[in-house]
Amino acid sequence: MYDLEKMRNMIETMSKFNQVEVLRILSKHGDVILNENKYGVHVNLSDLKDDVVNELTDYVSYVNAQELALKQDEKQKEEFKNAYFSN
């Protein structure tokens, strides 16, 4: 089983766009209880069924892979810029 605390930390550090997508994943499951107040939406991850946790795990992994690819592309772009366009 995936480490729920690690997942929570990853979701908390995601951009608002990705957090909204996590909320969309959770809200499509009717048995997930979402507690909303003026500070945000809170979910007890330990109450989630395995299929919901697996879906969240897949999404978190996808976002992390996407961010890693973007960082590598930016690094390569910077290397090209320094190699070919420096004065």
N, C-alpha and C. Protein backbone atom coordinates (compact mmCIF):
# COMPACT_ATOMS: atom_id res chain seq x y z
N MET A 1 0.84 -1.20 0.00
CA MET A 1 0.00 0.00 0.00
C MET A 1 0.88 1.25 0.00
N TYR A 2 0.41 2.26 -0.64
CA TYR A 2 1.17 3.50 -0.79
C TYR A 2 1.19 4.25 0.54
N ASP A 3 2.29 4.94 0.80
CA ASP A 3 2.44 5.71 2.02
C ASP A 3 1.53 6.95 1.94
N LEU A 4 0.48 6.96 2.75
CA LEU A 4 -0.52 8.03 2.68
C LEU A 4 0.04 9.37 3.11
N GLU A 5 0.96 9.37 4.06
CA GLU A 5 1.55 10.64 4.49
C GLU A 5 2.40 11.25 3.37
N LYS A 6 3.13 10.41 2.67
CA LYS A 6 3.92 10.89 1.54
C LYS A 6 3.01 11.44 0.44
N MET A 7 1.90 10.73 0.19
CA MET A 7 0.95 11.19 -0.81
C MET A 7 0.36 12.53 -0.41
N ARG A 8 -0.01 12.67 0.85
CA ARG A 8 -0.58 13.93 1.34
C ARG A 8 0.40 15.08 1.13
N ASN A 9 1.66 14.85 1.47
CA ASN A 9 2.68 15.90 1.31
C ASN A 9 2.85 16.29 -0.15
N MET A 10 2.82 15.29 -1.04
CA MET A 10 2.96 15.58 -2.47
C MET A 10 1.77 16.39 -2.98
N ILE A 11 0.57 16.01 -2.55
CA ILE A 11 -0.63 16.72 -3.00
C ILE A 11 -0.62 18.15 -2.46
N GLU A 12 -0.19 18.34 -1.23
CA GLU A 12 -0.15 19.69 -0.65
C GLU A 12 0.82 20.60 -1.38
N THR A 13 1.89 20.05 -1.96
CA THR A 13 2.88 20.88 -2.64
C THR A 13 2.58 21.06 -4.13
N MET A 14 1.54 20.41 -4.63
CA MET A 14 1.17 20.55 -6.04
C MET A 14 0.59 21.93 -6.31
N SER A 15 0.56 22.27 -7.58
CA SER A 15 -0.07 23.52 -7.98
C SER A 15 -1.58 23.42 -7.76
N LYS A 16 -2.22 24.58 -7.74
CA LYS A 16 -3.67 24.61 -7.52
C LYS A 16 -4.40 23.81 -8.60
N PHE A 17 -3.93 23.91 -9.83
CA PHE A 17 -4.54 23.17 -10.94
C PHE A 17 -4.55 21.67 -10.64
N ASN A 18 -3.40 21.14 -10.20
CA ASN A 18 -3.30 19.71 -9.92
C ASN A 18 -4.11 19.32 -8.68
N GLN A 19 -4.18 20.21 -7.70
CA GLN A 19 -4.99 19.92 -6.52
C GLN A 19 -6.47 19.86 -6.87
N VAL A 20 -6.90 20.71 -7.78
CA VAL A 20 -8.29 20.67 -8.23
C VAL A 20 -8.56 19.35 -8.95
N GLU A 21 -7.59 18.87 -9.69
CA GLU A 21 -7.75 17.58 -10.38
C GLU A 21 -7.85 16.44 -9.36
N VAL A 22 -7.07 16.51 -8.28
CA VAL A 22 -7.17 15.52 -7.21
C VAL A 22 -8.57 15.57 -6.60
N LEU A 23 -9.07 16.76 -6.37
CA LEU A 23 -10.43 16.91 -5.84
C LEU A 23 -11.46 16.33 -6.80
N ARG A 24 -11.25 16.52 -8.09
CA ARG A 24 -12.17 15.96 -9.08
C ARG A 24 -12.16 14.43 -9.03
N ILE A 25 -10.98 13.84 -8.87
CA ILE A 25 -10.87 12.39 -8.73
C ILE A 25 -11.63 11.92 -7.51
N LEU A 26 -11.45 12.61 -6.39
CA LEU A 26 -12.11 12.22 -5.16
C LEU A 26 -13.62 12.40 -5.23
N SER A 27 -14.06 13.49 -5.85
CA SER A 27 -15.50 13.79 -5.87
C SER A 27 -16.29 12.86 -6.76
N LYS A 28 -15.64 12.21 -7.72
CA LYS A 28 -16.40 11.29 -8.59
C LYS A 28 -16.72 9.98 -7.89
N HIS A 29 -16.10 9.74 -6.75
CA HIS A 29 -16.42 8.56 -5.94
C HIS A 29 -17.42 8.99 -4.88
N GLY A 30 -18.61 8.44 -4.93
CA GLY A 30 -19.69 8.86 -4.05
C GLY A 30 -19.46 8.56 -2.58
N ASP A 31 -18.59 7.61 -2.28
CA ASP A 31 -18.39 7.23 -0.88
C ASP A 31 -17.27 8.01 -0.20
N VAL A 32 -16.63 8.95 -0.90
CA VAL A 32 -15.56 9.76 -0.32
C VAL A 32 -16.18 10.98 0.36
N ILE A 33 -15.83 11.18 1.61
CA ILE A 33 -16.35 12.32 2.37
C ILE A 33 -15.38 13.49 2.25
N LEU A 34 -15.86 14.60 1.71
CA LEU A 34 -15.06 15.82 1.56
C LEU A 34 -15.56 16.84 2.58
N ASN A 35 -14.67 17.31 3.43
CA ASN A 35 -15.01 18.32 4.42
C ASN A 35 -14.43 19.65 3.96
N GLU A 36 -15.30 20.61 3.70
CA GLU A 36 -14.87 21.90 3.17
C GLU A 36 -15.13 22.99 4.20
N ASN A 37 -14.14 23.87 4.36
CA ASN A 37 -14.31 25.07 5.17
C ASN A 37 -13.59 26.22 4.48
N LYS A 38 -13.48 27.36 5.15
CA LYS A 38 -12.90 28.52 4.48
C LYS A 38 -11.40 28.35 4.20
N TYR A 39 -10.76 27.33 4.78
CA TYR A 39 -9.34 27.10 4.56
C TYR A 39 -9.07 26.08 3.46
N GLY A 40 -10.10 25.42 2.99
CA GLY A 40 -9.93 24.46 1.91
C GLY A 40 -10.79 23.23 2.10
N VAL A 41 -10.44 22.20 1.35
CA VAL A 41 -11.15 20.93 1.41
C VAL A 41 -10.24 19.92 2.11
N HIS A 42 -10.81 19.20 3.05
CA HIS A 42 -10.04 18.23 3.82
C HIS A 42 -10.62 16.84 3.60
N VAL A 43 -9.72 15.87 3.47
CA VAL A 43 -10.12 14.48 3.24
C VAL A 43 -9.29 13.60 4.15
N ASN A 44 -9.93 12.65 4.79
CA ASN A 44 -9.21 11.68 5.59
C ASN A 44 -8.76 10.56 4.65
N LEU A 45 -7.49 10.57 4.26
CA LEU A 45 -6.99 9.61 3.29
C LEU A 45 -7.05 8.18 3.81
N SER A 46 -6.98 8.01 5.11
CA SER A 46 -7.00 6.65 5.66
C SER A 46 -8.38 6.00 5.53
N ASP A 47 -9.42 6.79 5.25
CA ASP A 47 -10.77 6.25 5.07
C ASP A 47 -11.06 5.83 3.63
N LEU A 48 -10.12 6.13 2.71
CA LEU A 48 -10.37 5.86 1.30
C LEU A 48 -10.22 4.37 0.98
N LYS A 49 -11.02 3.92 0.04
CA LYS A 49 -10.91 2.54 -0.43
C LYS A 49 -9.66 2.39 -1.29
N ASP A 50 -9.21 1.17 -1.44
CA ASP A 50 -7.97 0.90 -2.18
C ASP A 50 -8.02 1.39 -3.63
N ASP A 51 -9.17 1.27 -4.29
CA ASP A 51 -9.24 1.70 -5.69
C ASP A 51 -9.08 3.22 -5.81
N VAL A 52 -9.59 3.96 -4.84
CA VAL A 52 -9.43 5.42 -4.84
C VAL A 52 -7.98 5.78 -4.56
N VAL A 53 -7.37 5.11 -3.60
CA VAL A 53 -5.96 5.35 -3.28
C VAL A 53 -5.09 5.03 -4.49
N ASN A 54 -5.40 3.95 -5.19
CA ASN A 54 -4.63 3.58 -6.38
C ASN A 54 -4.77 4.63 -7.48
N GLU A 55 -5.98 5.16 -7.64
CA GLU A 55 -6.19 6.20 -8.64
C GLU A 55 -5.42 7.47 -8.28
N LEU A 56 -5.43 7.84 -7.01
CA LEU A 56 -4.65 9.00 -6.56
C LEU A 56 -3.16 8.75 -6.73
N THR A 57 -2.72 7.54 -6.42
CA THR A 57 -1.30 7.19 -6.58
C THR A 57 -0.88 7.33 -8.03
N ASP A 58 -1.71 6.85 -8.94
CA ASP A 58 -1.41 6.97 -10.37
C ASP A 58 -1.31 8.43 -10.78
N TYR A 59 -2.24 9.26 -10.30
CA TYR A 59 -2.23 10.67 -10.68
C TYR A 59 -1.01 11.39 -10.11
N VAL A 60 -0.68 11.12 -8.84
CA VAL A 60 0.48 11.75 -8.22
C VAL A 60 1.76 11.34 -8.95
N SER A 61 1.86 10.08 -9.32
CA SER A 61 3.03 9.59 -10.07
C SER A 61 3.11 10.27 -11.43
N TYR A 62 1.97 10.42 -12.09
CA TYR A 62 1.93 11.09 -13.38
C TYR A 62 2.40 12.54 -13.27
N VAL A 63 1.91 13.26 -12.27
CA VAL A 63 2.31 14.66 -12.08
C VAL A 63 3.79 14.76 -11.79
N ASN A 64 4.31 13.88 -10.94
CA ASN A 64 5.73 13.91 -10.63
C ASN A 64 6.59 13.62 -11.86
N ALA A 65 6.19 12.66 -12.67
CA ALA A 65 6.93 12.35 -13.89
C ALA A 65 6.88 13.52 -14.86
N GLN A 66 5.72 14.17 -14.94
CA GLN A 66 5.57 15.32 -15.82
C GLN A 66 6.48 16.48 -15.37
N GLU A 67 6.52 16.74 -14.07
CA GLU A 67 7.36 17.81 -13.56
C GLU A 67 8.84 17.51 -13.77
N LEU A 68 9.23 16.25 -13.59
CA LEU A 68 10.61 15.85 -13.82
C LEU A 68 10.99 16.05 -15.28
N ALA A 69 10.11 15.67 -16.19
CA ALA A 69 10.38 15.86 -17.62
C ALA A 69 10.50 17.34 -17.96
N LEU A 70 9.65 18.16 -17.39
CA LEU A 70 9.73 19.60 -17.64
C LEU A 70 11.04 20.20 -17.12
N LYS A 71 11.46 19.76 -15.95
CA LYS A 71 12.74 20.25 -15.39
C LYS A 71 13.90 19.83 -16.27
N GLN A 72 13.87 18.60 -16.78
CA GLN A 72 14.95 18.14 -17.66
C GLN A 72 14.96 18.93 -18.96
N ASP A 73 13.78 19.21 -19.51
CA ASP A 73 13.71 20.00 -20.73
C ASP A 73 14.23 21.41 -20.51
N GLU A 74 13.88 22.01 -19.39
CA GLU A 74 14.37 23.36 -19.07
C GLU A 74 15.88 23.37 -18.89
N LYS A 75 16.40 22.33 -18.25
CA LYS A 75 17.86 22.23 -18.07
C LYS A 75 18.55 22.10 -19.41
N GLN A 76 18.01 21.27 -20.30
CA GLN A 76 18.61 21.09 -21.62
C GLN A 76 18.50 22.38 -22.42
N LYS A 77 17.39 23.07 -22.31
CA LYS A 77 17.22 24.34 -23.02
C LYS A 77 18.25 25.36 -22.55
N GLU A 78 18.49 25.39 -21.25
CA GLU A 78 19.48 26.32 -20.69
C GLU A 78 20.89 25.95 -21.17
N GLU A 79 21.17 24.65 -21.24
CA GLU A 79 22.48 24.21 -21.73
C GLU A 79 22.68 24.62 -23.19
N PHE A 80 21.67 24.45 -24.03
CA PHE A 80 21.74 24.87 -25.43
C PHE A 80 21.93 26.37 -25.54
N LYS A 81 21.20 27.09 -24.73
CA LYS A 81 21.30 28.55 -24.74
C LYS A 81 22.71 28.99 -24.40
N ASN A 82 23.29 28.37 -23.37
CA ASN A 82 24.65 28.74 -22.95
C ASN A 82 25.69 28.30 -23.98
N ALA A 83 25.48 27.16 -24.64
CA ALA A 83 26.46 26.65 -25.59
C ALA A 83 26.42 27.40 -26.91
N TYR A 84 25.25 27.76 -27.40
CA TYR A 84 25.14 28.31 -28.75
C TYR A 84 24.85 29.80 -28.82
N PHE A 85 24.38 30.38 -27.76
CA PHE A 85 23.99 31.78 -27.82
C PHE A 85 24.73 32.66 -26.84
N SER A 86 25.81 32.16 -26.27
CA SER A 86 26.58 33.01 -25.34
C SER A 86 27.48 33.94 -26.12
N ASN A 87 27.78 35.06 -25.53
CA ASN A 87 28.59 36.09 -26.23
C ASN A 87 30.02 35.74 -26.24
